[in-house]
PDB file of all heavy atoms in Angstrom:
ATOM      1  N   THR A   1     -85.086 154.302 -72.897  1.00  0.00           N
ATOM      2  CA  THR A   1     -85.987 153.444 -72.124  1.00  0.00           C
ATOM      3  C   THR A   1     -85.251 152.551 -71.134  1.00  0.00           C
ATOM      4  O   THR A   1     -85.887 151.812 -70.387  1.00  0.00           O
ATOM      5  CB  THR A   1     -86.833 152.567 -73.068  1.00  0.00           C
ATOM      6  OG1 THR A   1     -85.951 151.834 -73.926  1.00  0.00           O
ATOM      7  CG2 THR A   1     -87.772 153.419 -73.904  1.00  0.00           C
ATOM      8  N   GLY A   2     -83.933 152.595 -71.122  1.00  0.00           N
ATOM      9  CA  GLY A   2     -83.141 151.783 -70.196  1.00  0.00           C
ATOM     10  C   GLY A   2     -81.678 152.133 -70.343  1.00  0.00           C
ATOM     11  O   GLY A   2     -81.312 153.049 -71.075  1.00  0.00           O
ATOM     12  N   ALA A   3     -80.834 151.393 -69.643  1.00  0.00           N
ATOM     13  CA  ALA A   3     -79.395 151.630 -69.721  1.00  0.00           C
ATOM     14  C   ALA A   3     -78.921 151.351 -71.148  1.00  0.00           C
ATOM     15  O   ALA A   3     -78.992 150.212 -71.615  1.00  0.00           O
ATOM     16  CB  ALA A   3     -78.658 150.747 -68.731  1.00  0.00           C
ATOM     17  N   ASN A   4     -78.512 152.386 -71.852  1.00  0.00           N
ATOM     18  CA  ASN A   4     -78.029 152.285 -73.237  1.00  0.00           C
ATOM     19  C   ASN A   4     -79.067 151.750 -74.213  1.00  0.00           C
ATOM     20  O   ASN A   4     -78.711 151.217 -75.263  1.00  0.00           O
ATOM     21  CB  ASN A   4     -76.745 151.456 -73.310  1.00  0.00           C
ATOM     22  CG  ASN A   4     -75.615 152.113 -72.555  1.00  0.00           C
ATOM     23  OD1 ASN A   4     -75.473 153.326 -72.576  1.00  0.00           O
ATOM     24  ND2 ASN A   4     -74.818 151.316 -71.876  1.00  0.00           N
ATOM     25  N   VAL A   5     -80.342 151.868 -73.887  1.00  0.00           N
ATOM     26  CA  VAL A   5     -81.420 151.400 -74.769  1.00  0.00           C
ATOM     27  C   VAL A   5     -82.333 152.575 -75.103  1.00  0.00           C
ATOM     28  O   VAL A   5     -82.772 153.306 -74.214  1.00  0.00           O
ATOM     29  CB  VAL A   5     -82.242 150.273 -74.106  1.00  0.00           C
ATOM     30  CG1 VAL A   5     -83.405 149.844 -75.013  1.00  0.00           C
ATOM     31  CG2 VAL A   5     -81.363 149.088 -73.757  1.00  0.00           C
ATOM     32  N   TRP A   6     -82.589 152.765 -76.391  1.00  0.00           N
ATOM     33  CA  TRP A   6     -83.503 153.790 -76.883  1.00  0.00           C
ATOM     34  C   TRP A   6     -84.573 153.131 -77.731  1.00  0.00           C
ATOM     35  O   TRP A   6     -84.305 152.140 -78.401  1.00  0.00           O
ATOM     36  CB  TRP A   6     -82.747 154.804 -77.738  1.00  0.00           C
ATOM     37  CG  TRP A   6     -81.885 155.743 -76.964  1.00  0.00           C
ATOM     38  CD1 TRP A   6     -80.713 155.443 -76.343  1.00  0.00           C
ATOM     39  CD2 TRP A   6     -82.115 157.122 -76.751  1.00  0.00           C
ATOM     40  NE1 TRP A   6     -80.188 156.560 -75.754  1.00  0.00           N
ATOM     41  CE2 TRP A   6     -81.025 157.612 -76.001  1.00  0.00           C
ATOM     42  CE3 TRP A   6     -83.116 158.002 -77.139  1.00  0.00           C
ATOM     43  CZ2 TRP A   6     -80.934 158.940 -75.614  1.00  0.00           C
ATOM     44  CZ3 TRP A   6     -83.017 159.333 -76.764  1.00  0.00           C
ATOM     45  CH2 TRP A   6     -81.928 159.788 -75.997  1.00  0.00           C
ATOM     46  N   SER A   7     -85.775 153.693 -77.699  1.00  0.00           N
ATOM     47  CA  SER A   7     -86.871 153.224 -78.550  1.00  0.00           C
ATOM     48  C   SER A   7     -87.347 154.382 -79.416  1.00  0.00           C
ATOM     49  O   SER A   7     -87.385 155.531 -78.972  1.00  0.00           O
ATOM     50  CB  SER A   7     -88.038 152.715 -77.713  1.00  0.00           C
ATOM     51  OG  SER A   7     -87.656 151.563 -77.000  1.00  0.00           O
ATOM     52  N   GLU A   8     -87.696 154.049 -80.652  1.00  0.00           N
ATOM     53  CA  GLU A   8     -88.292 155.014 -81.565  1.00  0.00           C
ATOM     54  C   GLU A   8     -89.800 154.805 -81.533  1.00  0.00           C
ATOM     55  O   GLU A   8     -90.272 153.664 -81.599  1.00  0.00           O
ATOM     56  CB  GLU A   8     -87.766 154.806 -82.986  1.00  0.00           C
ATOM     57  CG  GLU A   8     -88.352 155.772 -83.991  1.00  0.00           C
ATOM     58  CD  GLU A   8     -87.814 155.560 -85.402  1.00  0.00           C
ATOM     59  OE1 GLU A   8     -86.880 154.752 -85.597  1.00  0.00           O
ATOM     60  OE2 GLU A   8     -88.339 156.198 -86.319  1.00  0.00           O
ATOM     61  N   TYR A   9     -90.561 155.892 -81.422  1.00  0.00           N
ATOM     62  CA  TYR A   9     -92.016 155.837 -81.409  1.00  0.00           C
ATOM     63  C   TYR A   9     -92.546 156.664 -82.564  1.00  0.00           C
ATOM     64  O   TYR A   9     -92.021 157.741 -82.857  1.00  0.00           O
ATOM     65  CB  TYR A   9     -92.571 156.400 -80.096  1.00  0.00           C
ATOM     66  CG  TYR A   9     -92.194 155.585 -78.888  1.00  0.00           C
ATOM     67  CD1 TYR A   9     -90.997 155.818 -78.219  1.00  0.00           C
ATOM     68  CD2 TYR A   9     -93.022 154.577 -78.416  1.00  0.00           C
ATOM     69  CE1 TYR A   9     -90.641 155.069 -77.111  1.00  0.00           C
ATOM     70  CE2 TYR A   9     -92.670 153.819 -77.311  1.00  0.00           C
ATOM     71  CZ  TYR A   9     -91.473 154.066 -76.665  1.00  0.00           C
ATOM     72  OH  TYR A   9     -91.116 153.328 -75.573  1.00  0.00           O
ATOM     73  N   ASP A  10     -93.599 156.164 -83.211  1.00  0.00           N
ATOM     74  CA  ASP A  10     -94.204 156.936 -84.297  1.00  0.00           C
ATOM     75  C   ASP A  10     -95.122 158.010 -83.705  1.00  0.00           C
ATOM     76  O   ASP A  10     -95.252 158.130 -82.481  1.00  0.00           O
ATOM     77  CB  ASP A  10     -94.921 156.027 -85.299  1.00  0.00           C
ATOM     78  CG  ASP A  10     -96.126 155.289 -84.732  1.00  0.00           C
ATOM     79  OD1 ASP A  10     -96.654 155.687 -83.665  1.00  0.00           O
ATOM     80  OD2 ASP A  10     -96.565 154.313 -85.363  1.00  0.00           O
ATOM     81  N   ALA A  11     -95.777 158.778 -84.556  1.00  0.00           N
ATOM     82  CA  ALA A  11     -96.614 159.897 -84.112  1.00  0.00           C
ATOM     83  C   ALA A  11     -97.784 159.455 -83.244  1.00  0.00           C
ATOM     84  O   ALA A  11     -98.255 160.215 -82.402  1.00  0.00           O
ATOM     85  CB  ALA A  11     -97.117 160.690 -85.317  1.00  0.00           C
ATOM     86  N   SER A  12     -98.244 158.217 -83.415  1.00  0.00           N
ATOM     87  CA  SER A  12     -99.358 157.723 -82.601  1.00  0.00           C
ATOM     88  C   SER A  12     -98.892 157.153 -81.265  1.00  0.00           C
ATOM     89  O   SER A  12     -99.711 156.738 -80.452  1.00  0.00           O
ATOM     90  CB  SER A  12    -100.147 156.656 -83.373  1.00  0.00           C
ATOM     91  OG  SER A  12     -99.367 155.470 -83.483  1.00  0.00           O
ATOM     92  N   GLY A  13     -97.578 157.121 -81.037  1.00  0.00           N
ATOM     93  CA  GLY A  13     -97.047 156.595 -79.782  1.00  0.00           C
ATOM     94  C   GLY A  13     -96.694 155.115 -79.827  1.00  0.00           C
ATOM     95  O   GLY A  13     -96.308 154.536 -78.821  1.00  0.00           O
ATOM     96  N   LYS A  14     -96.805 154.509 -81.006  1.00  0.00           N
ATOM     97  CA  LYS A  14     -96.490 153.091 -81.157  1.00  0.00           C
ATOM     98  C   LYS A  14     -94.977 152.913 -81.313  1.00  0.00           C
ATOM     99  O   LYS A  14     -94.345 153.577 -82.138  1.00  0.00           O
ATOM    100  CB  LYS A  14     -97.196 152.547 -82.391  1.00  0.00           C
ATOM    101  CG  LYS A  14     -96.883 151.105 -82.703  1.00  0.00           C
ATOM    102  CD  LYS A  14     -97.545 150.671 -84.003  1.00  0.00           C
ATOM    103  CE  LYS A  14     -96.983 149.345 -84.434  1.00  0.00           C
ATOM    104  NZ  LYS A  14     -97.278 149.057 -85.833  1.00  0.00           N
ATOM    105  N   PRO A  15     -94.375 152.004 -80.513  1.00  0.00           N
ATOM    106  CA  PRO A  15     -92.937 151.755 -80.677  1.00  0.00           C
ATOM    107  C   PRO A  15     -92.655 151.096 -82.021  1.00  0.00           C
ATOM    108  O   PRO A  15     -93.375 150.202 -82.450  1.00  0.00           O
ATOM    109  CB  PRO A  15     -92.583 150.825 -79.514  1.00  0.00           C
ATOM    110  CG  PRO A  15     -93.866 150.296 -78.990  1.00  0.00           C
ATOM    111  CD  PRO A  15     -94.962 151.201 -79.447  1.00  0.00           C
ATOM    112  N   THR A  16     -91.621 151.587 -82.718  1.00  0.00           N
ATOM    113  CA  THR A  16     -91.307 151.048 -84.039  1.00  0.00           C
ATOM    114  C   THR A  16     -89.967 150.322 -84.075  1.00  0.00           C
ATOM    115  O   THR A  16     -89.869 149.265 -84.673  1.00  0.00           O
ATOM    116  CB  THR A  16     -91.327 152.160 -85.099  1.00  0.00           C
ATOM    117  OG1 THR A  16     -90.470 153.227 -84.682  1.00  0.00           O
ATOM    118  CG2 THR A  16     -92.733 152.706 -85.292  1.00  0.00           C
ATOM    119  N   TYR A  17     -88.928 150.895 -83.453  1.00  0.00           N
ATOM    120  CA  TYR A  17     -87.606 150.267 -83.465  1.00  0.00           C
ATOM    121  C   TYR A  17     -86.909 150.476 -82.136  1.00  0.00           C
ATOM    122  O   TYR A  17     -87.213 151.417 -81.400  1.00  0.00           O
ATOM    123  CB  TYR A  17     -86.715 150.865 -84.571  1.00  0.00           C
ATOM    124  CG  TYR A  17     -87.256 150.667 -85.956  1.00  0.00           C
ATOM    125  CD1 TYR A  17     -87.796 151.726 -86.671  1.00  0.00           C
ATOM    126  CD2 TYR A  17     -87.227 149.404 -86.554  1.00  0.00           C
ATOM    127  CE1 TYR A  17     -88.291 151.548 -87.947  1.00  0.00           C
ATOM    128  CE2 TYR A  17     -87.730 149.220 -87.832  1.00  0.00           C
ATOM    129  CZ  TYR A  17     -88.259 150.288 -88.518  1.00  0.00           C
ATOM    130  OH  TYR A  17     -88.758 150.113 -89.780  1.00  0.00           O
ATOM    131  N   LYS A  18     -85.960 149.576 -81.849  1.00  0.00           N
ATOM    132  CA  LYS A  18     -85.108 149.704 -80.665  1.00  0.00           C
ATOM    133  C   LYS A  18     -83.676 149.914 -81.113  1.00  0.00           C
ATOM    134  O   LYS A  18     -83.247 149.363 -82.125  1.00  0.00           O
ATOM    135  CB  LYS A  18     -85.197 148.454 -79.791  1.00  0.00           C
ATOM    136  CG  LYS A  18     -86.471 148.351 -79.004  1.00  0.00           C
ATOM    137  CD  LYS A  18     -86.285 147.392 -77.834  1.00  0.00           C
ATOM    138  CE  LYS A  18     -87.548 147.295 -77.017  1.00  0.00           C
ATOM    139  NZ  LYS A  18     -87.729 148.441 -76.153  1.00  0.00           N
ATOM    140  N   PHE A  19     -82.943 150.718 -80.333  1.00  0.00           N
ATOM    141  CA  PHE A  19     -81.547 151.025 -80.625  1.00  0.00           C
ATOM    142  C   PHE A  19     -80.703 150.851 -79.377  1.00  0.00           C
ATOM    143  O   PHE A  19     -81.202 151.011 -78.259  1.00  0.00           O
ATOM    144  CB  PHE A  19     -81.413 152.483 -81.098  1.00  0.00           C
ATOM    145  CG  PHE A  19     -82.095 152.773 -82.394  1.00  0.00           C
ATOM    146  CD1 PHE A  19     -83.425 153.163 -82.423  1.00  0.00           C
ATOM    147  CD2 PHE A  19     -81.416 152.649 -83.597  1.00  0.00           C
ATOM    148  CE1 PHE A  19     -84.070 153.437 -83.617  1.00  0.00           C
ATOM    149  CE2 PHE A  19     -82.044 152.912 -84.796  1.00  0.00           C
ATOM    150  CZ  PHE A  19     -83.373 153.305 -84.807  1.00  0.00           C
ATOM    151  N   ARG A  20     -79.443 150.586 -79.595  1.00  0.00           N
ATOM    152  CA  ARG A  20     -78.462 150.544 -78.517  1.00  0.00           C
ATOM    153  C   ARG A  20     -77.638 151.815 -78.612  1.00  0.00           C
ATOM    154  O   ARG A  20     -77.135 152.163 -79.681  1.00  0.00           O
ATOM    155  CB  ARG A  20     -77.565 149.313 -78.651  1.00  0.00           C
ATOM    156  CG  ARG A  20     -76.544 149.157 -77.531  1.00  0.00           C
ATOM    157  CD  ARG A  20     -75.743 147.882 -77.686  1.00  0.00           C
ATOM    158  NE  ARG A  20     -75.058 147.781 -78.974  1.00  0.00           N
ATOM    159  CZ  ARG A  20     -73.855 148.291 -79.226  1.00  0.00           C
ATOM    160  NH1 ARG A  20     -73.195 148.930 -78.308  1.00  0.00           N
ATOM    161  NH2 ARG A  20     -73.316 148.149 -80.426  1.00  0.00           N
ATOM    162  N   GLU A  21     -77.500 152.514 -77.487  1.00  0.00           N
ATOM    163  CA  GLU A  21     -76.653 153.708 -77.460  1.00  0.00           C
ATOM    164  C   GLU A  21     -75.197 153.266 -77.460  1.00  0.00           C
ATOM    165  O   GLU A  21     -74.779 152.490 -76.612  1.00  0.00           O
ATOM    166  CB  GLU A  21     -76.954 154.541 -76.218  1.00  0.00           C
ATOM    167  CG  GLU A  21     -76.142 155.803 -76.134  1.00  0.00           C
ATOM    168  CD  GLU A  21     -76.482 156.643 -74.921  1.00  0.00           C
ATOM    169  OE1 GLU A  21     -77.673 156.736 -74.550  1.00  0.00           O
ATOM    170  OE2 GLU A  21     -75.543 157.212 -74.341  1.00  0.00           O
ATOM    171  N   THR A  22     -74.427 153.767 -78.419  1.00  0.00           N
ATOM    172  CA  THR A  22     -73.030 153.365 -78.529  1.00  0.00           C
ATOM    173  C   THR A  22     -72.066 154.434 -78.048  1.00  0.00           C
ATOM    174  O   THR A  22     -70.928 154.118 -77.691  1.00  0.00           O
ATOM    175  CB  THR A  22     -72.675 153.006 -79.982  1.00  0.00           C
ATOM    176  OG1 THR A  22     -72.942 154.144 -80.822  1.00  0.00           O
ATOM    177  CG2 THR A  22     -73.495 151.811 -80.457  1.00  0.00           C
ATOM    178  N   ASN A  23     -72.516 155.714 -78.019  1.00  0.00           N
ATOM    179  CA  ASN A  23     -71.611 156.775 -77.597  1.00  0.00           C
ATOM    180  C   ASN A  23     -72.389 158.067 -77.421  1.00  0.00           C
ATOM    181  O   ASN A  23     -73.501 158.218 -77.920  1.00  0.00           O
ATOM    182  CB  ASN A  23     -70.502 156.971 -78.638  1.00  0.00           C
ATOM    183  CG  ASN A  23     -69.342 157.796 -78.124  1.00  0.00           C
ATOM    184  OD1 ASN A  23     -69.132 157.905 -76.918  1.00  0.00           O
ATOM    185  ND2 ASN A  23     -68.595 158.390 -79.029  1.00  0.00           N
ATOM    186  N   ARG A  24     -71.761 159.014 -76.703  1.00  0.00           N
ATOM    187  CA  ARG A  24     -72.234 160.391 -76.584  1.00  0.00           C
ATOM    188  C   ARG A  24     -71.012 161.280 -76.629  1.00  0.00           C
ATOM    189  O   ARG A  24     -69.940 160.894 -76.182  1.00  0.00           O
ATOM    190  CB  ARG A  24     -72.936 160.645 -75.254  1.00  0.00           C
ATOM    191  CG  ARG A  24     -74.301 160.015 -75.136  1.00  0.00           C
ATOM    192  CD  ARG A  24     -74.938 160.372 -73.802  1.00  0.00           C
ATOM    193  NE  ARG A  24     -76.184 159.644 -73.663  1.00  0.00           N
ATOM    194  CZ  ARG A  24     -77.330 160.181 -73.289  1.00  0.00           C
ATOM    195  NH1 ARG A  24     -77.378 161.460 -72.958  1.00  0.00           N
ATOM    196  NH2 ARG A  24     -78.413 159.456 -73.221  1.00  0.00           N
ATOM    197  N   ASP A  25     -71.194 162.469 -77.170  1.00  0.00           N
ATOM    198  CA  ASP A  25     -70.122 163.461 -77.101  1.00  0.00           C
ATOM    199  C   ASP A  25     -70.756 164.813 -76.794  1.00  0.00           C
ATOM    200  O   ASP A  25     -71.921 164.877 -76.396  1.00  0.00           O
ATOM    201  CB  ASP A  25     -69.264 163.465 -78.373  1.00  0.00           C
ATOM    202  CG  ASP A  25     -70.035 163.806 -79.631  1.00  0.00           C
ATOM    203  OD1 ASP A  25     -71.080 164.491 -79.549  1.00  0.00           O
ATOM    204  OD2 ASP A  25     -69.575 163.415 -80.717  1.00  0.00           O
ATOM    205  N   ALA A  26     -70.012 165.869 -76.961  1.00  0.00           N
ATOM    206  CA  ALA A  26     -70.505 167.197 -76.604  1.00  0.00           C
ATOM    207  C   ALA A  26     -71.690 167.643 -77.449  1.00  0.00           C
ATOM    208  O   ALA A  26     -72.406 168.571 -77.069  1.00  0.00           O
ATOM    209  CB  ALA A  26     -69.371 168.212 -76.733  1.00  0.00           C
ATOM    210  N   TRP A  27     -71.927 167.009 -78.608  1.00  0.00           N
ATOM    211  CA  TRP A  27     -72.981 167.445 -79.517  1.00  0.00           C
ATOM    212  C   TRP A  27     -74.087 166.420 -79.726  1.00  0.00           C
ATOM    213  O   TRP A  27     -75.214 166.792 -80.038  1.00  0.00           O
ATOM    214  CB  TRP A  27     -72.406 167.759 -80.906  1.00  0.00           C
ATOM    215  CG  TRP A  27     -71.272 168.714 -80.898  1.00  0.00           C
ATOM    216  CD1 TRP A  27     -69.973 168.435 -81.172  1.00  0.00           C
ATOM    217  CD2 TRP A  27     -71.311 170.105 -80.592  1.00  0.00           C
ATOM    218  NE1 TRP A  27     -69.201 169.556 -81.065  1.00  0.00           N
ATOM    219  CE2 TRP A  27     -70.003 170.603 -80.715  1.00  0.00           C
ATOM    220  CE3 TRP A  27     -72.338 170.975 -80.227  1.00  0.00           C
ATOM    221  CZ2 TRP A  27     -69.687 171.937 -80.479  1.00  0.00           C
ATOM    222  CZ3 TRP A  27     -72.019 172.303 -80.004  1.00  0.00           C
ATOM    223  CH2 TRP A  27     -70.716 172.763 -80.140  1.00  0.00           C
ATOM    224  N   SER A  28     -73.764 165.116 -79.620  1.00  0.00           N
ATOM    225  CA  SER A  28     -74.677 164.094 -80.140  1.00  0.00           C
ATOM    226  C   SER A  28     -74.765 162.854 -79.273  1.00  0.00           C
ATOM    227  O   SER A  28     -73.882 162.574 -78.457  1.00  0.00           O
ATOM    228  CB  SER A  28     -74.198 163.642 -81.533  1.00  0.00           C
ATOM    229  OG  SER A  28     -74.128 164.720 -82.421  1.00  0.00           O
ATOM    230  N   VAL A  29     -75.836 162.092 -79.523  1.00  0.00           N
ATOM    231  CA  VAL A  29     -76.005 160.735 -79.009  1.00  0.00           C
ATOM    232  C   VAL A  29     -75.991 159.826 -80.232  1.00  0.00           C
ATOM    233  O   VAL A  29     -76.649 160.108 -81.235  1.00  0.00           O
ATOM    234  CB  VAL A  29     -77.339 160.580 -78.238  1.00  0.00           C
ATOM    235  CG1 VAL A  29     -77.522 159.157 -77.757  1.00  0.00           C
ATOM    236  CG2 VAL A  29     -77.413 161.572 -77.082  1.00  0.00           C
ATOM    237  N   TYR A  30     -75.239 158.723 -80.162  1.00  0.00           N
ATOM    238  CA  TYR A  30     -75.082 157.800 -81.291  1.00  0.00           C
ATOM    239  C   TYR A  30     -75.798 156.496 -80.965  1.00  0.00           C
ATOM    240  O   TYR A  30     -75.599 155.921 -79.896  1.00  0.00           O
ATOM    241  CB  TYR A  30     -73.597 157.545 -81.556  1.00  0.00           C
ATOM    242  CG  TYR A  30     -72.859 158.819 -81.886  1.00  0.00           C
ATOM    243  CD1 TYR A  30     -72.292 159.601 -80.881  1.00  0.00           C
ATOM    244  CD2 TYR A  30     -72.761 159.259 -83.200  1.00  0.00           C
ATOM    245  CE1 TYR A  30     -71.638 160.790 -81.182  1.00  0.00           C
ATOM    246  CE2 TYR A  30     -72.104 160.449 -83.498  1.00  0.00           C
ATOM    247  CZ  TYR A  30     -71.551 161.201 -82.482  1.00  0.00           C
ATOM    248  OH  TYR A  30     -70.902 162.378 -82.782  1.00  0.00           O
ATOM    249  N   LEU A  31     -76.635 156.042 -81.899  1.00  0.00           N
ATOM    250  CA  LEU A  31     -77.452 154.847 -81.705  1.00  0.00           C
ATOM    251  C   LEU A  31     -77.197 153.851 -82.823  1.00  0.00           C
ATOM    252  O   LEU A  31     -76.878 154.233 -83.955  1.00  0.00           O
ATOM    253  CB  LEU A  31     -78.936 155.224 -81.692  1.00  0.00           C
ATOM    254  CG  LEU A  31     -79.372 156.321 -80.717  1.00  0.00           C
ATOM    255  CD1 LEU A  31     -80.852 156.625 -80.898  1.00  0.00           C
ATOM    256  CD2 LEU A  31     -79.064 155.934 -79.282  1.00  0.00           C
ATOM    257  N   ASN A  32     -77.383 152.571 -82.491  1.00  0.00           N
ATOM    258  CA  ASN A  32     -77.205 151.501 -83.473  1.00  0.00           C
ATOM    259  C   ASN A  32     -78.339 150.485 -83.322  1.00  0.00           C
ATOM    260  O   ASN A  32     -78.715 150.129 -82.202  1.00  0.00           O
ATOM    261  CB  ASN A  32     -75.853 150.809 -83.249  1.00  0.00           C
ATOM    262  CG  ASN A  32     -75.593 149.735 -84.274  1.00  0.00           C
ATOM    263  OD1 ASN A  32     -75.668 149.967 -85.471  1.00  0.00           O
ATOM    264  ND2 ASN A  32     -75.284 148.540 -83.812  1.00  0.00           N
ATOM    265  N   ASP A  33     -78.871 150.035 -84.438  1.00  0.00           N
ATOM    266  CA  ASP A  33     -79.837 148.929 -84.469  1.00  0.00           C
ATOM    267  C   ASP A  33     -79.151 147.782 -85.185  1.00  0.00           C
ATOM    268  O   ASP A  33     -79.115 147.735 -86.418  1.00  0.00           O
ATOM    269  CB  ASP A  33     -81.109 149.351 -85.206  1.00  0.00           C
ATOM    270  CG  ASP A  33     -82.127 148.220 -85.325  1.00  0.00           C
ATOM    271  OD1 ASP A  33     -81.795 147.064 -84.993  1.00  0.00           O
ATOM    272  OD2 ASP A  33     -83.258 148.499 -85.753  1.00  0.00           O
ATOM    273  N   PRO A  34     -78.550 146.835 -84.421  1.00  0.00           N
ATOM    274  CA  PRO A  34     -77.792 145.758 -85.064  1.00  0.00           C
ATOM    275  C   PRO A  34     -78.658 144.819 -85.900  1.00  0.00           C
ATOM    276  O   PRO A  34     -78.167 144.213 -86.844  1.00  0.00           O
ATOM    277  CB  PRO A  34     -77.133 145.027 -83.894  1.00  0.00           C
ATOM    278  CG  PRO A  34     -77.884 145.421 -82.682  1.00  0.00           C
ATOM    279  CD  PRO A  34     -78.518 146.747 -82.966  1.00  0.00           C
ATOM    280  N   SER A  35     -79.966 144.725 -85.612  1.00  0.00           N
ATOM    281  CA  SER A  35     -80.826 143.825 -86.384  1.00  0.00           C
ATOM    282  C   SER A  35     -81.003 144.312 -87.823  1.00  0.00           C
ATOM    283  O   SER A  35     -81.219 143.514 -88.727  1.00  0.00           O
ATOM    284  CB  SER A  35     -82.192 143.671 -85.718  1.00  0.00           C
ATOM    285  OG  SER A  35     -82.933 144.875 -85.799  1.00  0.00           O
ATOM    286  N   ARG A  36     -80.897 145.623 -88.047  1.00  0.00           N
ATOM    287  CA  ARG A  36     -81.034 146.194 -89.391  1.00  0.00           C
ATOM    288  C   ARG A  36     -79.729 146.811 -89.880  1.00  0.00           C
ATOM    289  O   ARG A  36     -79.664 147.309 -90.994  1.00  0.00           O
ATOM    290  CB  ARG A  36     -82.124 147.279 -89.404  1.00  0.00           C
ATOM    291  CG  ARG A  36     -83.496 146.769 -89.020  1.00  0.00           C
ATOM    292  CD  ARG A  36     -84.535 147.881 -89.031  1.00  0.00           C
ATOM    293  NE  ARG A  36     -84.225 148.917 -88.053  1.00  0.00           N
ATOM    294  CZ  ARG A  36     -84.434 150.230 -88.236  1.00  0.00           C
ATOM    295  NH1 ARG A  36     -84.968 150.670 -89.360  1.00  0.00           N
ATOM    296  NH2 ARG A  36     -84.141 151.094 -87.298  1.00  0.00           N
ATOM    297  N   ASN A  37     -78.716 146.824 -89.016  1.00  0.00           N
ATOM    298  CA  ASN A  37     -77.429 147.462 -89.296  1.00  0.00           C
ATOM    299  C   ASN A  37     -77.630 148.930 -89.680  1.00  0.00           C
ATOM    300  O   ASN A  37     -77.092 149.427 -90.670  1.00  0.00           O
ATOM    301  CB  ASN A  37     -76.629 146.711 -90.353  1.00  0.00           C
ATOM    302  CG  ASN A  37     -75.140 146.987 -90.215  1.00  0.00           C
ATOM    303  OD1 ASN A  37     -74.697 147.586 -89.241  1.00  0.00           O
ATOM    304  ND2 ASN A  37     -74.382 146.555 -91.190  1.00  0.00           N
ATOM    305  N   VAL A  38     -78.420 149.625 -88.829  1.00  0.00           N
ATOM    306  CA  VAL A  38     -78.754 151.033 -89.017  1.00  0.00           C
ATOM    307  C   VAL A  38     -78.135 151.831 -87.879  1.00  0.00           C
ATOM    308  O   VAL A  38     -78.214 151.430 -86.719  1.00  0.00           O
ATOM    309  CB  VAL A  38     -80.284 151.230 -89.042  1.00  0.00           C
ATOM    310  CG1 VAL A  38     -80.673 152.685 -88.887  1.00  0.00           C
ATOM    311  CG2 VAL A  38     -80.871 150.646 -90.307  1.00  0.00           C
ATOM    312  N   GLN A  39     -77.531 152.974 -88.231  1.00  0.00           N
ATOM    313  CA  GLN A  39     -76.949 153.848 -87.241  1.00  0.00           C
ATOM    314  C   GLN A  39     -77.637 155.216 -87.314  1.00  0.00           C
ATOM    315  O   GLN A  39     -77.939 155.708 -88.396  1.00  0.00           O
ATOM    316  CB  GLN A  39     -75.431 154.052 -87.479  1.00  0.00           C
ATOM    317  CG  GLN A  39     -74.609 152.792 -87.328  1.00  0.00           C
ATOM    318  CD  GLN A  39     -74.694 151.873 -88.544  1.00  0.00           C
ATOM    319  OE1 GLN A  39     -74.630 152.328 -89.673  1.00  0.00           O
ATOM    320  NE2 GLN A  39     -74.870 150.581 -88.310  1.00  0.00           N
ATOM    321  N   LEU A  40     -77.903 155.786 -86.126  1.00  0.00           N
ATOM    322  CA  LEU A  40     -78.484 157.121 -86.031  1.00  0.00           C
ATOM    323  C   LEU A  40     -77.560 158.014 -85.224  1.00  0.00           C
ATOM    324  O   LEU A  40     -76.882 157.557 -84.310  1.00  0.00           O
ATOM    325  CB  LEU A  40     -79.844 157.101 -85.336  1.00  0.00           C
ATOM    326  CG  LEU A  40     -80.985 156.354 -85.998  1.00  0.00           C
ATOM    327  CD1 LEU A  40     -82.256 156.511 -85.158  1.00  0.00           C
ATOM    328  CD2 LEU A  40     -81.234 156.849 -87.407  1.00  0.00           C
TER     329      LEU A  40
END
């Protein structure tokens, strides 16, 4: 949704969480939610 910003949306389209993009490589995008200390 912005520079290094990702949002998670549920099936109804409601935003649930925000993440900061921390890295990308040849296979993956890495996200972090510092408010919950969750990494995706």
